[in-house]
Amino acid sequence: MPMRIGTPMPALDGATEWFNGSAEEALQEIEGRPVLVHFWSLSCGMCKENLPRVAEWREKYREAGLRMIAVHMPRYPADTDVNAVREAIATYGIIEPCAVDNEHKVRDAFLNDHGYVPAYYLFDEQHKLKSFAAGEYGVKVIEPALERLMGAAQHQPAEQALA
């Protein structure tokens, strides 16, 4: 059963490795801010096609407070190659903290039982789930929710939006 709207963001425990920061740094960065957690995989062509769109959101909404965490979730044994993940992070310009979930512990914490990739979990500044989308139409489903959430954040006084 997928996570329900309003569910608190799960812990990021269990990642086998982190790139672009540690779990602790990622949690400090997102404290009091909306966050988009996106799952992707080396073997997922759709993920690779959507990563530039995710990067656009990161830049577009950064000033309004949005932060991101990437989670690389392997679908096949070859996807567990950490060097290949490192290369893909560089190739696709993933600059946000990226957890490597080779043991699927983060996937399980997010109740992504079917291992959907790409998968997008949007949390508000209290880290309550606002929207979830996955698969082929995931970016089209999550984008309006992201626009609504970030539009609301942009209309708050600056000290609240960026606190």
Foldseek 3Di string as FASTA:
>chain_A
DADDFQAFQFQPPQFPDKDLDDSVVLCVLLQLAKEKEWEAFPPDPLQLVCLVVVVVLCVVLVLLGYAYEYEYEYPDPVRLPVVVVVVVCVVSVVNGMYGYNDVCPSVVRRVVVVPFPGKMFIAGSSRGTDDIAGDDCRCVRVVVSSCVRSVVSVPDPSVNSHD
